[in-house]
Amino acid sequence: MQGWKPVIAGTLGPKYLAIAEAIARDVASGALNAGDRLPPQRMLAEALDVDLTTITRAYGEAQRLGLIEGDGRRGSFVRSKAVEPTGIPYKEPADAGMNAPPEAADRMLEKAFGASATQLLSRVDGPAPFHYQPRGGMALAREAGAALLRGRGIPCEDDTVLVSAGGQHALHAVISTELRPGEVLAVSAFVYPGLLAVANRYGLRLRVIDSDGEGTVPDALAEACVDDSVAAVYCVPTNDNPTTATMGADRRAALAAVIRRCGLKLIEDDAYGMLPEHPLSPLASLVPERTWHIASVSKILSPGLRVAWIAAPDVAAAWRLAADLHETAVMAPPLNVAVIADWLQAGTFHGLRAAVRAEARARQTIARAALRPGSFHAQDEGYHLWMPLPVATNAAEIVNALRSHGLSVVASDAFAVAPANAPPALRISIGGSMPRDRLERALRLLDALTTPDVTRKIALV
């Protein structure tokens, strides 16, 4: 692979990280294979018109991520796939109904976590990952999170950014501190089930707002504020779960204007917002004084990390949140928090994110080949699909038929504010640990089960 040249044009941030991300992306896509020799550092520096130090740092970061290995004078090579460890097998099954990001190639996440945890635990001047943490989260992680969110255009400091034990924990804290029983929360007809559960727990009234391919329709929200006492609005602006709708820049600006004009509170659940290579500005960057922005790593890297950041509109709101976060979970898992803060400082976070993004793209390619054109909605860098079904289709029968094939499929009534009136649809997760070949077979079965002739028969079951 002496002729290999990374594509880094238009990428943001340091060039060495962009090169490391390109290596991760090409390993995940198969453009680079185990044993391939990378170009000598000096040759690549000349080809990219960068200094030699940049290439050295890039190769070092790729080695840190477990992507490549050095072999003295022979150069740097793409690593062979790791040998699975022996010992007691881990047989605990994953929850097949959850929407998890695809696993990065060659156990990258596990290797990066092990390397960072070992380094952190050997330091005497670092954070104390086995101690109780201050309310609101580890200071190092709050600073790292604030820097990450400022990079996305959100005006915030470490005194308005808190660390929670995942996005669901954050949602619970925001709703319990900012809304009261009986108040109206504006949502779309289909919404993340975790939000439905929290809203029900705290006795909120849900007002369904019309939505389209870009999510919430601003004029419909404005009309709802005229004839109802709407207190807040909840949305997932990028790759909505479950519908995959993504708001364009103009839609975000229009929605932000309505929120400001009507004096609404905004709960922006930006679970997938950091995954695209060219992400759109969050709503919190447009209306920060009214937004509680949630940015979780569960949908970007792994749900097992249980870490999210909340950017509150002001210090007073942050203090209210900190008290609730402490009461409900005391703290996010401190070792995980310390590792993620280290990843952000070292740039490892961005390399891991690039690898997940590359795998998601590869799986979307499989989905487009296996399923009929126009039969589903998806985002190129996302890892779930939304498939509307003909009226009267028995979606539960399709879900049951696919369960034994390992494909995560959930019927639309699980996401519906009014399940009895919900049109039939499926949310299909193509992430997780399912190998690509099994995913392709399962998706082809899904395609067969959702052809018009079969759905008519299923409707009669």
Protein backbone atom coordinates (compact mmCIF):
# COMPACT_ATOMS: atom_id res chain seq x y z
CA MET A 1 0.00 0.00 0.00
CA GLN A 2 2.87 2.38 -0.73
CA GLY A 3 0.47 4.40 -2.85
CA TRP A 4 -2.10 4.80 -0.07
CA LYS A 5 -2.96 8.43 0.58
CA PRO A 6 -5.46 9.51 3.26
CA VAL A 7 -8.32 11.82 2.32
CA ILE A 8 -8.16 14.71 4.79
CA ALA A 9 -9.37 17.64 2.70
CA GLY A 10 -12.04 19.67 4.47
CA THR A 11 -11.58 17.97 7.85
CA LEU A 12 -11.54 20.03 11.02
CA GLY A 13 -8.95 19.97 13.80
CA PRO A 14 -5.28 18.96 13.82
CA LYS A 15 -4.02 17.26 10.68
CA TYR A 16 -2.40 14.40 12.57
CA LEU A 17 -5.82 13.45 13.98
CA ALA A 18 -7.37 13.70 10.53
CA ILE A 19 -4.77 11.27 9.19
CA ALA A 20 -5.34 8.86 12.10
CA GLU A 21 -9.08 9.06 11.47
CA ALA A 22 -8.49 8.30 7.79
CA ILE A 23 -6.54 5.18 8.75
CA ALA A 24 -9.39 4.10 11.04
CA ARG A 25 -11.95 4.77 8.32
CA ASP A 26 -10.04 2.83 5.66
CA VAL A 27 -9.42 -0.12 7.98
CA ALA A 28 -13.15 -0.27 8.75
CA SER A 29 -14.13 -0.01 5.06
CA GLY A 30 -11.58 -2.59 3.88
CA ALA A 31 -9.50 -0.13 1.88
CA LEU A 32 -6.66 -1.07 4.24
CA ASN A 33 -6.28 -4.72 5.21
CA ALA A 34 -4.33 -6.59 7.86
CA GLY A 35 -0.67 -6.76 6.90
CA ASP A 36 -0.75 -3.82 4.49
CA ARG A 37 2.35 -1.66 4.76
CA LEU A 38 1.73 2.05 5.12
CA PRO A 39 3.84 4.56 3.19
CA PRO A 40 7.09 5.61 4.88
CA GLN A 41 6.52 8.65 7.02
CA ARG A 42 8.72 10.96 4.99
CA MET A 43 7.09 9.89 1.73
CA LEU A 44 3.59 10.49 3.11
CA ALA A 45 4.63 13.87 4.51
CA GLU A 46 5.76 14.94 1.05
CA ALA A 47 2.59 13.60 -0.59
CA LEU A 48 0.36 15.53 1.81
CA ASP A 49 2.62 18.60 1.98
CA VAL A 50 2.88 18.46 5.78
CA ASP A 51 5.87 18.27 8.10
CA LEU A 52 7.31 14.94 9.19
CA THR A 53 6.26 15.50 12.81
CA THR A 54 2.59 15.50 11.76
CA ILE A 55 2.93 12.06 10.18
CA THR A 56 4.86 10.74 13.17
CA ARG A 57 2.10 11.89 15.52
CA ALA A 58 -0.58 10.46 13.21
CA TYR A 59 1.07 7.04 13.08
CA GLY A 60 1.57 7.19 16.84
CA GLU A 61 -2.12 7.87 17.39
CA ALA A 62 -3.09 5.06 15.00
CA GLN A 63 -0.79 2.72 16.92
CA ARG A 64 -2.33 3.88 20.21
CA LEU A 65 -5.75 2.94 18.79
CA GLY A 66 -4.48 -0.53 17.92
CA LEU A 67 -4.80 0.04 14.17
CA ILE A 68 -1.18 -0.30 13.12
CA GLU A 69 2.11 -1.59 14.48
CA GLY A 70 5.70 -0.67 13.80
CA ASP A 71 8.30 -3.18 12.68
CA GLY A 72 11.56 -1.29 12.90
CA ARG A 73 13.11 -0.47 9.56
CA ARG A 74 10.42 -2.39 7.71
CA GLY A 75 7.96 0.39 8.56
CA SER A 76 4.38 0.48 9.83
CA PHE A 77 1.79 -2.16 9.03
CA VAL A 78 -1.95 -2.54 9.53
CA ARG A 79 -2.37 -4.86 12.47
CA SER A 80 -3.73 -8.35 12.08
CA LYS A 81 -7.00 -8.99 13.86
CA ALA A 82 -6.51 -9.55 17.54
CA VAL A 83 -6.62 -13.10 18.86
CA GLU A 84 -9.67 -13.56 21.05
CA PRO A 85 -8.70 -14.00 24.71
CA THR A 86 -9.16 -17.39 26.29
CA GLY A 87 -10.70 -18.03 29.67
CA ILE A 88 -14.25 -17.93 30.99
CA PRO A 89 -16.54 -17.02 28.06
CA TYR A 90 -18.73 -13.97 28.50
CA LYS A 91 -22.21 -15.18 27.59
CA GLU A 92 -24.39 -12.33 28.79
CA PRO A 93 -26.59 -11.39 25.79
CA ALA A 94 -27.06 -7.79 24.73
CA ASP A 95 -30.53 -6.25 24.79
CA ALA A 96 -31.71 -6.87 21.23
CA GLY A 97 -34.25 -4.05 21.42
CA MET A 98 -31.71 -1.28 21.97
CA ASN A 99 -30.13 0.86 19.27
CA ALA A 100 -26.37 0.53 19.72
CA PRO A 101 -23.57 1.93 17.57
CA PRO A 102 -21.69 -0.58 15.42
CA GLU A 103 -18.52 -1.90 16.95
CA ALA A 104 -15.32 -0.42 15.51
CA ALA A 105 -12.95 -2.78 13.71
CA ASP A 106 -10.30 -4.86 15.46
CA ARG A 107 -11.58 -4.21 19.02
CA MET A 108 -10.42 -0.60 18.82
CA LEU A 109 -12.64 0.58 21.67
CA GLU A 110 -11.50 -2.12 24.06
CA LYS A 111 -7.84 -1.52 23.27
CA ALA A 112 -8.14 2.23 23.66
CA PHE A 113 -9.99 1.84 26.96
CA GLY A 114 -7.42 -0.58 28.31
CA ALA A 115 -4.51 1.65 27.32
CA SER A 116 -6.04 4.80 28.84
CA ALA A 117 -7.23 3.08 32.02
CA THR A 118 -3.79 1.56 32.59
CA GLN A 119 -2.13 4.94 32.06
CA LEU A 120 -4.57 6.77 34.33
CA LEU A 121 -4.27 4.28 37.15
CA SER A 122 -0.48 4.48 37.06
CA ARG A 123 -0.40 8.28 37.43
CA VAL A 124 -0.07 9.98 40.78
CA ASP A 125 -1.14 13.43 39.54
CA GLY A 126 -4.29 12.44 37.67
CA PRO A 127 -7.96 12.20 38.72
CA ALA A 128 -9.04 9.82 41.45
CA PRO A 129 -11.23 7.41 39.46
CA PHE A 130 -12.18 5.27 42.47
CA HIS A 131 -13.34 8.15 44.70
CA TYR A 132 -16.62 9.98 45.02
CA GLN A 133 -16.76 12.88 42.59
CA PRO A 134 -18.01 16.44 43.11
CA ARG A 135 -21.65 17.19 42.37
CA GLY A 136 -21.98 17.81 38.67
CA GLY A 137 -19.09 15.57 37.77
CA MET A 138 -15.31 15.35 37.63
CA ALA A 139 -13.81 18.79 36.96
CA LEU A 140 -11.50 17.42 34.26
CA ALA A 141 -14.44 15.87 32.42
CA ARG A 142 -16.57 19.01 32.71
CA GLU A 143 -13.76 21.07 31.22
CA ALA A 144 -13.23 18.55 28.42
CA GLY A 145 -16.97 18.38 27.74
CA ALA A 146 -17.30 22.16 27.69
CA ALA A 147 -14.43 22.40 25.20
CA LEU A 148 -16.06 19.75 23.00
CA LEU A 149 -19.42 21.54 23.03
CA ARG A 150 -17.86 24.96 22.42
CA GLY A 151 -16.24 23.41 19.35
CA ARG A 152 -19.77 22.69 18.13
CA GLY A 153 -20.81 26.33 18.61
CA ILE A 154 -22.52 26.08 22.01
CA PRO A 155 -21.54 28.97 24.33
CA CYS A 156 -20.73 27.24 27.61
CA GLU A 157 -18.12 26.94 30.36
CA ASP A 158 -17.34 24.20 32.83
CA ASP A 159 -19.70 25.81 35.38
CA THR A 160 -22.70 25.26 33.07
CA VAL A 161 -21.72 21.78 31.81
CA LEU A 162 -22.36 18.70 33.95
CA VAL A 163 -21.55 15.01 33.64
CA SER A 164 -24.34 12.43 33.94
CA ALA A 165 -24.54 8.65 33.86
CA GLY A 166 -25.76 8.57 30.27
CA GLY A 167 -28.44 10.39 28.29
CA GLN A 168 -31.40 8.81 30.11
CA HIS A 169 -30.03 10.01 33.45
CA ALA A 170 -29.67 13.47 31.93
CA LEU A 171 -33.26 13.46 30.61
CA HIS A 172 -34.56 12.46 34.03
CA ALA A 173 -32.65 15.32 35.67
CA VAL A 174 -33.76 17.98 33.19
CA ILE A 175 -37.44 17.04 33.26
CA SER A 176 -37.61 16.60 37.04
CA THR A 177 -35.99 19.98 37.72
CA GLU A 178 -37.46 22.12 34.93
CA LEU A 179 -41.02 20.85 34.40
CA ARG A 180 -43.95 20.25 36.73
CA PRO A 181 -46.80 17.71 36.66
CA GLY A 182 -49.51 18.77 34.24
CA GLU A 183 -47.26 20.99 32.14
CA VAL A 184 -47.26 20.47 28.38
CA LEU A 185 -44.24 19.08 26.55
CA ALA A 186 -44.33 19.33 22.76
CA VAL A 187 -43.11 16.21 20.92
CA SER A 188 -43.44 14.46 17.57
CA ALA A 189 -45.91 11.60 17.07
CA PHE A 190 -43.06 9.08 17.36
CA VAL A 191 -40.50 9.70 20.08
CA TYR A 192 -37.68 8.02 22.00
CA PRO A 193 -39.28 5.58 24.52
CA GLY A 194 -37.00 6.79 27.33
CA LEU A 195 -38.56 10.24 27.03
CA LEU A 196 -42.06 8.74 27.10
CA ALA A 197 -41.22 6.88 30.32
CA VAL A 198 -39.86 9.96 32.10
CA ALA A 199 -42.74 12.16 30.93
CA ASN A 200 -45.21 9.60 32.27
CA ARG A 201 -43.36 9.35 35.59
CA TYR A 202 -43.58 13.10 36.14
CA GLY A 203 -47.15 13.49 34.92
CA LEU A 204 -46.46 15.67 31.89
CA ARG A 205 -49.03 16.22 29.15
CA LEU A 206 -47.62 15.46 25.72
CA ARG A 207 -48.74 17.61 22.80
CA VAL A 208 -48.02 16.05 19.41
CA ILE A 209 -46.66 18.54 16.88
CA ASP A 210 -46.78 17.89 13.15
CA SER A 211 -43.46 16.78 11.68
CA ASP A 212 -42.05 16.02 8.25
CA GLY A 213 -38.80 14.73 6.76
CA GLU A 214 -36.90 17.38 8.74
CA GLY A 215 -38.63 16.79 12.05
CA THR A 216 -40.76 19.28 13.99
CA VAL A 217 -42.59 21.83 11.81
CA PRO A 218 -41.98 25.31 13.33
CA ASP A 219 -45.35 26.78 12.27
CA ALA A 220 -47.16 23.84 13.86
CA LEU A 221 -45.27 24.43 17.11
CA ALA A 222 -46.19 28.12 17.01
CA GLU A 223 -49.87 27.25 16.49
CA ALA A 224 -49.80 24.85 19.43
CA CYS A 225 -48.45 27.63 21.65
CA VAL A 226 -51.48 29.79 20.75
CA ASP A 227 -54.14 27.27 21.78
CA ASP A 228 -52.28 25.39 24.51
CA SER A 229 -49.96 26.33 27.35
CA VAL A 230 -46.87 24.60 25.95
CA ALA A 231 -43.99 24.80 28.43
CA ALA A 232 -41.22 23.01 26.57
CA VAL A 233 -40.32 21.13 23.41
CA TYR A 234 -38.27 17.95 23.07
CA CYS A 235 -36.44 17.02 19.89
CA VAL A 236 -33.60 14.94 18.46
CA PRO A 237 -32.45 17.26 15.64
CA THR A 238 -29.95 14.90 13.99
CA ASN A 239 -30.98 11.39 12.94
CA ASP A 240 -34.11 11.33 15.07
CA ASN A 241 -34.85 8.12 16.94
CA PRO A 242 -36.85 6.41 15.50
CA THR A 243 -37.71 8.27 12.26
CA THR A 244 -34.13 9.26 11.21
CA ALA A 245 -35.40 12.78 10.32
CA THR A 246 -32.63 15.40 10.38
CA MET A 247 -33.24 19.14 10.53
CA GLY A 248 -31.42 21.26 7.99
CA ALA A 249 -29.83 24.58 8.94
CA ASP A 250 -32.88 26.63 7.88
CA ARG A 251 -35.27 24.39 9.83
CA ARG A 252 -33.09 24.73 12.93
CA ALA A 253 -33.05 28.51 12.64
CA ALA A 254 -36.84 28.66 12.18
CA LEU A 255 -37.49 26.36 15.12
CA ALA A 256 -35.11 28.33 17.35
CA ALA A 257 -36.98 31.53 16.44
CA VAL A 258 -40.32 30.02 17.52
CA ILE A 259 -38.82 28.75 20.77
CA ARG A 260 -37.47 32.21 21.60
CA ARG A 261 -40.64 34.05 20.55
CA CYS A 262 -42.94 31.74 22.52
CA GLY A 263 -40.66 31.58 25.58
CA LEU A 264 -40.35 27.79 25.47
CA LYS A 265 -37.77 25.60 27.14
CA LEU A 266 -35.92 23.32 24.73
CA ILE A 267 -34.67 19.85 25.63
CA GLU A 268 -32.25 19.04 22.82
CA ASP A 269 -31.38 15.35 22.92
CA ASP A 270 -28.44 15.41 20.50
CA ALA A 271 -27.63 11.73 20.87
CA TYR A 272 -26.38 11.35 17.28
CA GLY A 273 -25.28 14.92 16.56
CA MET A 274 -21.54 14.30 16.87
CA LEU A 275 -21.46 11.28 14.56
CA PRO A 276 -21.64 12.94 11.09
CA GLU A 277 -18.33 13.92 9.53
CA HIS A 278 -19.74 17.40 8.87
CA PRO A 279 -22.20 17.95 11.73
CA LEU A 280 -24.79 20.70 11.72
CA SER A 281 -24.78 23.31 14.48
CA PRO A 282 -26.94 22.25 17.44
CA LEU A 283 -30.06 24.19 18.33
CA ALA A 284 -28.25 25.15 21.54
CA SER A 285 -25.90 27.28 19.44
CA LEU A 286 -28.90 29.27 18.17
CA VAL A 287 -30.96 29.65 21.34
CA PRO A 288 -28.56 28.86 24.22
CA GLU A 289 -30.47 30.82 26.84
CA ARG A 290 -33.47 28.45 26.56
CA THR A 291 -31.77 25.11 25.82
CA TRP A 292 -30.82 22.10 27.91
CA HIS A 293 -28.48 20.28 25.53
CA ILE A 294 -27.68 16.59 26.10
CA ALA A 295 -24.66 15.04 24.37
CA SER A 296 -24.12 11.37 25.18
CA VAL A 297 -21.33 9.01 24.15
CA SER A 298 -23.73 6.03 24.24
CA LYS A 299 -24.83 6.48 20.62
CA ILE A 300 -21.43 7.73 19.42
CA LEU A 301 -19.03 5.15 20.89
CA SER A 302 -20.68 2.65 23.24
CA PRO A 303 -23.70 2.46 25.59
CA GLY A 304 -21.54 0.64 28.14
CA LEU A 305 -19.58 3.79 28.95
CA ARG A 306 -22.64 5.51 30.55
CA VAL A 307 -21.37 9.08 30.20
CA ALA A 308 -23.14 12.18 28.88
CA TRP A 309 -22.77 15.94 29.19
CA ILE A 310 -25.58 18.42 29.85
CA ALA A 311 -25.09 22.04 28.85
CA ALA A 312 -27.49 24.14 30.94
CA PRO A 313 -28.53 27.67 29.93
CA ASP A 314 -27.05 29.27 33.05
CA VAL A 315 -25.26 28.51 36.32
CA ALA A 316 -28.46 28.43 38.38
CA ALA A 317 -29.97 25.77 36.11
CA ALA A 318 -26.73 23.81 36.29
CA TRP A 319 -26.85 23.79 40.09
CA ARG A 320 -30.42 22.49 40.05
CA LEU A 321 -29.37 19.72 37.71
CA ALA A 322 -26.31 18.86 39.79
CA ALA A 323 -28.49 18.27 42.85
CA ASP A 324 -30.84 15.94 40.96
CA LEU A 325 -28.00 14.04 39.29
CA HIS A 326 -26.46 13.42 42.70
CA GLU A 327 -29.77 12.31 44.25
CA THR A 328 -30.57 9.81 41.49
CA ALA A 329 -27.18 8.24 40.70
CA VAL A 330 -24.59 10.06 42.86
CA MET A 331 -22.19 10.20 39.89
CA ALA A 332 -21.36 8.85 36.47
CA PRO A 333 -18.90 5.89 36.56
CA PRO A 334 -15.71 7.80 37.42
CA LEU A 335 -13.18 5.53 35.70
CA ASN A 336 -15.17 5.73 32.46
CA VAL A 337 -15.45 9.50 32.85
CA ALA A 338 -11.69 9.84 33.38
CA VAL A 339 -10.95 7.66 30.35
CA ILE A 340 -13.23 9.70 28.08
CA ALA A 341 -11.71 12.96 29.32
CA ASP A 342 -8.28 11.50 28.50
CA TRP A 343 -9.51 10.48 25.03
CA LEU A 344 -10.71 14.01 24.36
CA GLN A 345 -7.39 15.54 25.42
CA ALA A 346 -5.33 13.05 23.41
CA GLY A 347 -7.56 13.04 20.33
CA THR A 348 -8.41 9.34 20.72
CA PHE A 349 -12.11 10.17 20.99
CA HIS A 350 -12.12 11.52 17.44
CA GLY A 351 -10.35 8.46 16.04
CA LEU A 352 -12.83 6.11 17.69
CA ARG A 353 -15.74 8.20 16.45
CA ALA A 354 -14.35 8.07 12.90
CA ALA A 355 -14.14 4.28 13.08
CA VAL A 356 -17.78 3.99 14.24
CA ARG A 357 -18.81 6.40 11.48
CA ALA A 358 -16.99 4.33 8.84
CA GLU A 359 -18.65 1.13 10.03
CA ALA A 360 -22.06 2.81 10.02
CA ARG A 361 -21.52 3.91 6.42
CA ALA A 362 -20.53 0.39 5.43
CA ARG A 363 -23.68 -1.03 7.03
CA GLN A 364 -25.88 1.55 5.33
CA THR A 365 -24.39 0.39 2.02
CA ILE A 366 -25.42 -3.16 2.89
CA ALA A 367 -28.93 -1.97 3.77
CA ARG A 368 -29.34 -0.12 0.46
CA ALA A 369 -28.31 -3.24 -1.43
CA ALA A 370 -30.53 -5.60 0.56
CA LEU A 371 -33.75 -3.56 0.81
CA ARG A 372 -36.02 -2.19 -1.89
CA PRO A 373 -35.27 1.42 -2.87
CA GLY A 374 -37.66 3.82 -1.19
CA SER A 375 -38.83 1.27 1.39
CA PHE A 376 -37.04 2.91 4.32
CA HIS A 377 -35.57 6.17 5.62
CA ALA A 378 -31.99 6.44 6.90
CA GLN A 379 -29.00 8.74 7.30
CA ASP A 380 -25.75 7.76 5.58
CA GLU A 381 -23.76 7.97 8.83
CA GLY A 382 -26.48 6.58 11.09
CA TYR A 383 -27.15 3.01 12.10
CA HIS A 384 -30.90 2.69 12.30
CA LEU A 385 -33.59 2.59 9.63
CA TRP A 386 -37.26 3.63 9.72
CA MET A 387 -39.53 1.52 7.54
CA PRO A 388 -43.19 2.57 7.16
CA LEU A 389 -45.50 -0.38 6.43
CA PRO A 390 -48.82 -0.66 4.62
CA VAL A 391 -51.89 0.09 6.71
CA ALA A 392 -53.17 -2.94 8.67
CA THR A 393 -49.83 -4.75 8.54
CA ASN A 394 -49.23 -6.82 11.67
CA ALA A 395 -45.80 -5.41 12.55
CA ALA A 396 -45.48 -7.68 15.59
CA GLU A 397 -45.49 -10.76 13.35
CA ILE A 398 -42.56 -9.37 11.33
CA VAL A 399 -40.67 -8.56 14.53
CA ASN A 400 -41.20 -12.09 15.83
CA ALA A 401 -40.07 -13.63 12.54
CA LEU A 402 -36.79 -11.69 12.64
CA ARG A 403 -36.00 -12.16 16.33
CA SER A 404 -34.27 -15.52 15.87
CA HIS A 405 -32.05 -14.01 13.16
CA GLY A 406 -30.51 -11.53 15.62
CA LEU A 407 -31.77 -8.38 13.91
CA SER A 408 -32.97 -5.64 16.27
CA VAL A 409 -36.41 -4.64 15.01
CA VAL A 410 -38.97 -2.68 17.06
CA ALA A 411 -42.55 -1.95 16.01
CA SER A 412 -43.71 1.67 15.81
CA ASP A 413 -46.16 1.46 18.71
CA ALA A 414 -43.19 1.36 21.12
CA PHE A 415 -42.35 4.93 20.04
CA ALA A 416 -45.88 6.29 19.60
CA VAL A 417 -47.42 8.91 21.87
CA ALA A 418 -50.79 7.37 20.93
CA PRO A 419 -50.01 3.66 20.25
CA ALA A 420 -53.57 2.73 19.35
CA ASN A 421 -53.56 5.16 16.42
CA ALA A 422 -49.95 4.71 15.32
CA PRO A 423 -49.47 3.77 11.66
CA PRO A 424 -47.42 0.56 11.33
CA ALA A 425 -43.68 0.96 10.90
CA LEU A 426 -40.44 -0.63 12.02
CA ARG A 427 -37.24 0.75 13.48
CA ILE A 428 -34.36 -1.48 12.45
CA SER A 429 -31.00 -1.19 14.18
CA ILE A 430 -28.05 -2.20 12.01
CA GLY A 431 -25.40 -1.42 14.63
CA GLY A 432 -24.14 -3.57 17.48
CA SER A 433 -21.87 -6.56 17.07
CA MET A 434 -23.69 -8.47 14.32
CA PRO A 435 -21.19 -9.37 11.56
CA ARG A 436 -21.82 -7.80 8.16
CA ASP A 437 -22.62 -11.09 6.44
CA ARG A 438 -25.28 -11.99 9.01
CA LEU A 439 -26.68 -8.47 8.82
CA GLU A 440 -27.04 -8.78 5.05
CA ARG A 441 -28.88 -12.09 5.34
CA ALA A 442 -31.22 -10.73 8.00
CA LEU A 443 -31.98 -7.61 5.97
CA ARG A 444 -32.77 -9.70 2.89
CA LEU A 445 -35.24 -11.67 5.00
CA LEU A 446 -36.73 -8.37 6.20
CA ASP A 447 -37.08 -7.30 2.57
CA ALA A 448 -38.89 -10.52 1.75
CA LEU A 449 -41.24 -10.18 4.72
CA THR A 450 -42.16 -6.61 3.81
CA THR A 451 -42.97 -7.12 0.13
CA PRO A 452 -46.59 -6.17 -0.63
CA ASP A 453 -47.78 -9.76 -1.14
CA VAL A 454 -46.32 -10.95 2.15
CA THR A 455 -47.51 -7.95 4.20
CA ARG A 456 -51.06 -8.55 2.95
CA LYS A 457 -50.88 -12.10 4.24
CA ILE A 458 -49.29 -10.98 7.53
CA ALA A 459 -52.11 -8.44 7.99
CA LEU A 460 -54.54 -11.37 8.16
CA VAL A 461 -52.62 -13.23 10.88
